[in-house]
Amino acid sequence: MTPDPNRTCTAFCGLKRIASGLLGDVVTAAKAALDRGETGAIAIFDDETSRPIEVDFRGSVEEVRARLTLGAPEAEAPRGPGRPKLGVVAREVTLLPRHWDWLAAQPGGASVALRRLVEAARRDGDGESRVRLSQEAANRFMTAMAGDRPGFEEAGRALFARDRARFHAETELWPEDIRDHARRLAEPALQEG
């Protein structure tokens, strides 16, 4: 899977944060660090999910950046008359007959009713969703970068208990860049508590 070049990410060289921003800019900074002879392992994390982003650093900066965009979707051919493409994706939904009956009776039909239900659920569960995503991203990052640090397990417990004071206390002795990034990722979950 090709990473989205419009996503923001953060790169670390060993325990030091070396760049944050758009993927191409971060990769350029990471490549520069490698070219300067940095010996620490380079790790790049998606800022939203903390999933690692794999980058092949062989070759020049231009070659490295060019590989990031390989596999990007081609521009679509102009469409003819008919309904405009709105990014709609058709997928199978399995429901009981009574559910289909209810959907069919809704104004606009099943598709409109389902879209309304999904949007309402997203709106109503937005706070819970933000907390969960924050916890998952912070935990993923902490496991990768601080899993062997003192207080790691207690910091994880504090994160999921949404205990800001305890989370900050348990992460206080971690390397500064690791600590600060973990706290930034955890903040939405700790704010809501």
C-alpha atoms as a PDB file:
ATOM      1  CA  MET A   1       0.000   0.000   0.000  1.00  0.00           C
ATOM      2  CA  THR A   2       1.378   3.407  -0.955  1.00  0.00           C
ATOM      3  CA  PRO A   3       1.256   5.984   1.855  1.00  0.00           C
ATOM      4  CA  ASP A   4      -0.827   9.093   1.264  1.00  0.00           C
ATOM      5  CA  PRO A   5       1.613  11.950   0.505  1.00  0.00           C
ATOM      6  CA  ASN A   6      -0.862  14.450   2.022  1.00  0.00           C
ATOM      7  CA  ARG A   7      -0.813  12.724   5.412  1.00  0.00           C
ATOM      8  CA  THR A   8       1.301  14.187   8.161  1.00  0.00           C
ATOM      9  CA  CYS A   9       3.825  12.062   9.940  1.00  0.00           C
ATOM     10  CA  THR A  10       6.729  12.240  12.366  1.00  0.00           C
ATOM     11  CA  ALA A  11      10.188  10.700  11.970  1.00  0.00           C
ATOM     12  CA  PHE A  12      12.555   9.623  14.686  1.00  0.00           C
ATOM     13  CA  CYS A  13      16.215   8.717  14.432  1.00  0.00           C
ATOM     14  CA  GLY A  14      16.767   6.542  17.444  1.00  0.00           C
ATOM     15  CA  LEU A  15      15.229   8.468  20.341  1.00  0.00           C
ATOM     16  CA  LYS A  16      15.298  11.905  18.673  1.00  0.00           C
ATOM     17  CA  ARG A  17      12.495  13.419  16.631  1.00  0.00           C
ATOM     18  CA  ILE A  18      14.018  14.650  13.397  1.00  0.00           C
ATOM     19  CA  ALA A  19      10.986  15.919  11.472  1.00  0.00           C
ATOM     20  CA  SER A  20       7.213  16.338  11.452  1.00  0.00           C
ATOM     21  CA  GLY A  21       4.987  17.366   8.566  1.00  0.00           C
ATOM     22  CA  LEU A  22       3.934  16.114   5.159  1.00  0.00           C
ATOM     23  CA  LEU A  23       5.333  12.714   4.224  1.00  0.00           C
ATOM     24  CA  GLY A  24       7.589  13.991   1.421  1.00  0.00           C
ATOM     25  CA  ASP A  25       9.172  16.634   3.651  1.00  0.00           C
ATOM     26  CA  VAL A  26       9.681  14.184   6.510  1.00  0.00           C
ATOM     27  CA  VAL A  27      11.229  11.597   4.203  1.00  0.00           C
ATOM     28  CA  THR A  28      13.575  14.269   2.827  1.00  0.00           C
ATOM     29  CA  ALA A  29      14.718  15.150   6.368  1.00  0.00           C
ATOM     30  CA  ALA A  30      15.127  11.471   7.274  1.00  0.00           C
ATOM     31  CA  LYS A  31      17.163  10.820   4.119  1.00  0.00           C
ATOM     32  CA  ALA A  32      19.359  13.834   4.958  1.00  0.00           C
ATOM     33  CA  ALA A  33      19.965  12.406   8.444  1.00  0.00           C
ATOM     34  CA  LEU A  34      20.975   9.068   6.952  1.00  0.00           C
ATOM     35  CA  ASP A  35      23.245  10.779   4.417  1.00  0.00           C
ATOM     36  CA  ARG A  36      24.946  12.682   7.282  1.00  0.00           C
ATOM     37  CA  GLY A  37      25.826   9.328   8.800  1.00  0.00           C
ATOM     38  CA  GLU A  38      23.231   9.148  11.577  1.00  0.00           C
ATOM     39  CA  THR A  39      23.487   5.674  13.079  1.00  0.00           C
ATOM     40  CA  GLY A  40      20.114   5.423  14.824  1.00  0.00           C
ATOM     41  CA  ALA A  41      17.273   3.517  13.224  1.00  0.00           C
ATOM     42  CA  ILE A  42      14.841   5.713  11.312  1.00  0.00           C
ATOM     43  CA  ALA A  43      11.191   5.232  12.256  1.00  0.00           C
ATOM     44  CA  ILE A  44       8.379   7.180  10.595  1.00  0.00           C
ATOM     45  CA  PHE A  45       4.885   7.166  12.095  1.00  0.00           C
ATOM     46  CA  ASP A  46       1.585   8.369  10.657  1.00  0.00           C
ATOM     47  CA  ASP A  47       0.474  11.229  12.943  1.00  0.00           C
ATOM     48  CA  GLU A  48      -3.154  10.122  13.061  1.00  0.00           C
ATOM     49  CA  THR A  49      -2.778   6.380  13.631  1.00  0.00           C
ATOM     50  CA  SER A  50       0.872   5.941  14.667  1.00  0.00           C
ATOM     51  CA  ARG A  51       1.149   3.149  12.133  1.00  0.00           C
ATOM     52  CA  PRO A  52       4.715   2.860  10.882  1.00  0.00           C
ATOM     53  CA  ILE A  53       5.388   4.055   7.350  1.00  0.00           C
ATOM     54  CA  GLU A  54       7.893   1.938   5.465  1.00  0.00           C
ATOM     55  CA  VAL A  55      10.262   3.869   3.219  1.00  0.00           C
ATOM     56  CA  ASP A  56      13.004   2.557   0.949  1.00  0.00           C
ATOM     57  CA  PHE A  57      15.857   5.028   1.467  1.00  0.00           C
ATOM     58  CA  ARG A  58      18.125   3.639  -1.281  1.00  0.00           C
ATOM     59  CA  GLY A  59      19.330   6.129  -3.872  1.00  0.00           C
ATOM     60  CA  SER A  60      19.027   9.893  -4.050  1.00  0.00           C
ATOM     61  CA  VAL A  61      16.389  12.010  -2.308  1.00  0.00           C
ATOM     62  CA  GLU A  62      14.591  12.358  -5.641  1.00  0.00           C
ATOM     63  CA  GLU A  63      14.528   8.568  -6.115  1.00  0.00           C
ATOM     64  CA  VAL A  64      13.272   8.008  -2.571  1.00  0.00           C
ATOM     65  CA  ARG A  65      10.512  10.611  -2.999  1.00  0.00           C
ATOM     66  CA  ALA A  66       9.566   9.227  -6.422  1.00  0.00           C
ATOM     67  CA  ARG A  67       9.027   5.779  -4.895  1.00  0.00           C
ATOM     68  CA  LEU A  68       6.545   7.317  -2.432  1.00  0.00           C
ATOM     69  CA  THR A  69       4.197   8.261  -5.250  1.00  0.00           C
ATOM     70  CA  LEU A  70       4.404   4.977  -7.169  1.00  0.00           C
ATOM     71  CA  GLY A  71       1.084   3.242  -7.185  1.00  0.00           C
ATOM     72  CA  ALA A  72      -0.851   6.484  -6.782  1.00  0.00           C
ATOM     73  CA  PRO A  73      -4.142   6.291  -8.662  1.00  0.00           C
ATOM     74  CA  GLU A  74      -4.119   7.592 -12.208  1.00  0.00           C
ATOM     75  CA  ALA A  75      -6.326  10.531 -13.098  1.00  0.00           C
ATOM     76  CA  GLU A  76      -9.726   9.374 -14.237  1.00  0.00           C
ATOM     77  CA  ALA A  77     -10.921   9.946 -17.759  1.00  0.00           C
ATOM     78  CA  PRO A  78     -13.620  12.607 -18.124  1.00  0.00           C
ATOM     79  CA  ARG A  79     -17.099  11.203 -17.526  1.00  0.00           C
ATOM     80  CA  GLY A  80     -19.908  11.393 -20.009  1.00  0.00           C
ATOM     81  CA  PRO A  81     -23.520  12.320 -19.324  1.00  0.00           C
ATOM     82  CA  GLY A  82     -25.304  10.790 -16.365  1.00  0.00           C
ATOM     83  CA  ARG A  83     -24.956  10.968 -12.609  1.00  0.00           C
ATOM     84  CA  PRO A  84     -21.710  12.524 -11.404  1.00  0.00           C
ATOM     85  CA  LYS A  85     -19.301  10.299  -9.509  1.00  0.00           C
ATOM     86  CA  LEU A  86     -19.456  11.396  -5.874  1.00  0.00           C
ATOM     87  CA  GLY A  87     -16.959   8.953  -4.454  1.00  0.00           C
ATOM     88  CA  VAL A  88     -19.760   6.470  -3.826  1.00  0.00           C
ATOM     89  CA  VAL A  89     -18.613   2.896  -3.289  1.00  0.00           C
ATOM     90  CA  ALA A  90     -21.126   0.085  -3.755  1.00  0.00           C
ATOM     91  CA  ARG A  91     -20.738  -2.752  -1.240  1.00  0.00           C
ATOM     92  CA  GLU A  92     -22.909  -5.559  -0.037  1.00  0.00           C
ATOM     93  CA  VAL A  93     -24.983  -5.043   3.101  1.00  0.00           C
ATOM     94  CA  THR A  94     -26.725  -7.964   4.762  1.00  0.00           C
ATOM     95  CA  LEU A  95     -29.894  -7.116   6.669  1.00  0.00           C
ATOM     96  CA  LEU A  96     -32.962  -8.947   7.862  1.00  0.00           C
ATOM     97  CA  PRO A  97     -36.165  -8.560   5.793  1.00  0.00           C
ATOM     98  CA  ARG A  98     -37.735  -6.247   8.389  1.00  0.00           C
ATOM     99  CA  HIS A  99     -34.695  -3.956   8.113  1.00  0.00           C
ATOM    100  CA  TRP A 100     -35.031  -3.815   4.320  1.00  0.00           C
ATOM    101  CA  ASP A 101     -38.740  -3.082   4.694  1.00  0.00           C
ATOM    102  CA  TRP A 102     -38.048  -0.212   7.077  1.00  0.00           C
ATOM    103  CA  LEU A 103     -35.309   1.216   4.813  1.00  0.00           C
ATOM    104  CA  ALA A 104     -37.532   0.991   1.733  1.00  0.00           C
ATOM    105  CA  ALA A 105     -40.245   3.002   3.512  1.00  0.00           C
ATOM    106  CA  GLN A 106     -37.847   5.877   4.316  1.00  0.00           C
ATOM    107  CA  PRO A 107     -37.848   9.050   2.202  1.00  0.00           C
ATOM    108  CA  GLY A 108     -35.191   8.699  -0.490  1.00  0.00           C
ATOM    109  CA  GLY A 109     -34.937   4.941  -0.113  1.00  0.00           C
ATOM    110  CA  ALA A 110     -32.388   2.652   1.504  1.00  0.00           C
ATOM    111  CA  SER A 111     -29.218   4.468   0.433  1.00  0.00           C
ATOM    112  CA  VAL A 112     -30.328   7.869   1.694  1.00  0.00           C
ATOM    113  CA  ALA A 113     -31.588   6.390   4.976  1.00  0.00           C
ATOM    114  CA  LEU A 114     -28.348   4.482   5.547  1.00  0.00           C
ATOM    115  CA  ARG A 115     -26.242   7.567   4.837  1.00  0.00           C
ATOM    116  CA  ARG A 116     -28.331   9.583   7.317  1.00  0.00           C
ATOM    117  CA  LEU A 117     -27.972   6.866   9.969  1.00  0.00           C
ATOM    118  CA  VAL A 118     -24.207   6.659   9.481  1.00  0.00           C
ATOM    119  CA  GLU A 119     -23.792  10.442   9.687  1.00  0.00           C
ATOM    120  CA  ALA A 120     -25.915  10.600  12.852  1.00  0.00           C
ATOM    121  CA  ALA A 121     -23.880   7.806  14.445  1.00  0.00           C
ATOM    122  CA  ARG A 122     -20.622   9.554  13.511  1.00  0.00           C
ATOM    123  CA  ARG A 123     -21.885  12.818  15.024  1.00  0.00           C
ATOM    124  CA  ASP A 124     -23.205  11.211  18.220  1.00  0.00           C
ATOM    125  CA  GLY A 125     -20.166   8.979  18.782  1.00  0.00           C
ATOM    126  CA  ASP A 126     -17.574  11.548  17.746  1.00  0.00           C
ATOM    127  CA  GLY A 127     -16.227  12.140  21.266  1.00  0.00           C
ATOM    128  CA  GLU A 128     -15.994   8.433  22.053  1.00  0.00           C
ATOM    129  CA  SER A 129     -14.405   7.760  18.695  1.00  0.00           C
ATOM    130  CA  ARG A 130     -11.830  10.532  19.177  1.00  0.00           C
ATOM    131  CA  VAL A 131     -10.880   9.086  22.585  1.00  0.00           C
ATOM    132  CA  ARG A 132     -10.553   5.540  21.231  1.00  0.00           C
ATOM    133  CA  LEU A 133      -8.477   6.619  18.230  1.00  0.00           C
ATOM    134  CA  SER A 134      -6.219   8.702  20.465  1.00  0.00           C
ATOM    135  CA  GLN A 135      -5.701   5.806  22.858  1.00  0.00           C
ATOM    136  CA  GLU A 136      -4.933   3.392  20.018  1.00  0.00           C
ATOM    137  CA  ALA A 137      -2.471   5.764  18.331  1.00  0.00           C
ATOM    138  CA  ALA A 138      -0.676   6.633  21.577  1.00  0.00           C
ATOM    139  CA  ASN A 139      -0.506   2.992  22.625  1.00  0.00           C
ATOM    140  CA  ARG A 140       0.828   1.904  19.216  1.00  0.00           C
ATOM    141  CA  PHE A 141       3.537   4.583  19.323  1.00  0.00           C
ATOM    142  CA  MET A 142       4.445   3.890  22.966  1.00  0.00           C
ATOM    143  CA  THR A 143       4.768   0.175  22.291  1.00  0.00           C
ATOM    144  CA  ALA A 144       7.099   0.785  19.351  1.00  0.00           C
ATOM    145  CA  MET A 145       9.253   3.516  20.881  1.00  0.00           C
ATOM    146  CA  ALA A 146       8.975   3.158  24.665  1.00  0.00           C
ATOM    147  CA  GLY A 147       8.033  -0.474  25.247  1.00  0.00           C
ATOM    148  CA  ASP A 148      11.238  -1.071  27.197  1.00  0.00           C
ATOM    149  CA  ARG A 149      11.098   2.185  29.187  1.00  0.00           C
ATOM    150  CA  PRO A 150      10.405   2.329  32.917  1.00  0.00           C
ATOM    151  CA  GLY A 151       6.755   3.107  33.568  1.00  0.00           C
ATOM    152  CA  PHE A 152       5.591   1.846  30.147  1.00  0.00           C
ATOM    153  CA  GLU A 153       2.954  -0.540  31.493  1.00  0.00           C
ATOM    154  CA  GLU A 154       1.670   1.937  34.071  1.00  0.00           C
ATOM    155  CA  ALA A 155       1.563   4.682  31.412  1.00  0.00           C
ATOM    156  CA  GLY A 156      -0.565   2.376  29.259  1.00  0.00           C
ATOM    157  CA  ARG A 157      -2.924   1.713  32.154  1.00  0.00           C
ATOM    158  CA  ALA A 158      -3.177   5.449  32.846  1.00  0.00           C
ATOM    159  CA  LEU A 159      -3.857   6.135  29.160  1.00  0.00           C
ATOM    160  CA  PHE A 160      -6.788   3.730  29.045  1.00  0.00           C
ATOM    161  CA  ALA A 161      -8.032   4.916  32.455  1.00  0.00           C
ATOM    162  CA  ARG A 162      -7.819   8.459  31.033  1.00  0.00           C
ATOM    163  CA  ASP A 163      -5.775   9.559  34.046  1.00  0.00           C
ATOM    164  CA  ARG A 164      -3.743  12.551  32.816  1.00  0.00           C
ATOM    165  CA  ALA A 165      -1.729  13.106  36.005  1.00  0.00           C
ATOM    166  CA  ARG A 166      -0.646   9.483  36.248  1.00  0.00           C
ATOM    167  CA  PHE A 167       0.119   9.292  32.498  1.00  0.00           C
ATOM    168  CA  HIS A 168       2.346  12.375  32.733  1.00  0.00           C
ATOM    169  CA  ALA A 169       4.070  11.062  35.874  1.00  0.00           C
ATOM    170  CA  GLU A 170       4.802   7.666  34.289  1.00  0.00           C
ATOM    171  CA  THR A 171       6.199   9.191  31.094  1.00  0.00           C
ATOM    172  CA  GLU A 172       8.234  11.955  32.780  1.00  0.00           C
ATOM    173  CA  LEU A 173      11.568  10.095  32.677  1.00  0.00           C
ATOM    174  CA  TRP A 174      11.267   8.983  29.053  1.00  0.00           C
ATOM    175  CA  PRO A 175      13.494  10.602  26.427  1.00  0.00           C
ATOM    176  CA  GLU A 176      12.068  14.072  25.787  1.00  0.00           C
ATOM    177  CA  ASP A 177      11.051  13.633  22.144  1.00  0.00           C
ATOM    178  CA  ILE A 178       9.428  10.231  22.773  1.00  0.00           C
ATOM    179  CA  ARG A 179       7.639  11.545  25.868  1.00  0.00           C
ATOM    180  CA  ASP A 180       6.362  14.685  24.170  1.00  0.00           C
ATOM    181  CA  HIS A 181       5.090  12.820  21.096  1.00  0.00           C
ATOM    182  CA  ALA A 182       3.328  10.188  23.243  1.00  0.00           C
ATOM    183  CA  ARG A 183       1.684  12.956  25.275  1.00  0.00           C
ATOM    184  CA  ARG A 184       0.563  14.784  22.128  1.00  0.00           C
ATOM    185  CA  LEU A 185      -1.009  11.603  20.773  1.00  0.00           C
ATOM    186  CA  ALA A 186      -2.695  10.850  24.124  1.00  0.00           C
ATOM    187  CA  GLU A 187      -4.018  14.376  24.672  1.00  0.00           C
ATOM    188  CA  PRO A 188      -7.459  13.922  23.037  1.00  0.00           C
ATOM    189  CA  ALA A 189      -8.124  10.886  25.259  1.00  0.00           C
ATOM    190  CA  LEU A 190      -6.840  12.603  28.375  1.00  0.00           C
ATOM    191  CA  GLN A 191      -8.821  15.802  27.676  1.00  0.00           C
ATOM    192  CA  GLU A 192     -12.137  13.982  27.515  1.00  0.00           C
ATOM    193  CA  GLY A 193     -11.661  12.249  30.875  1.00  0.00           C
END
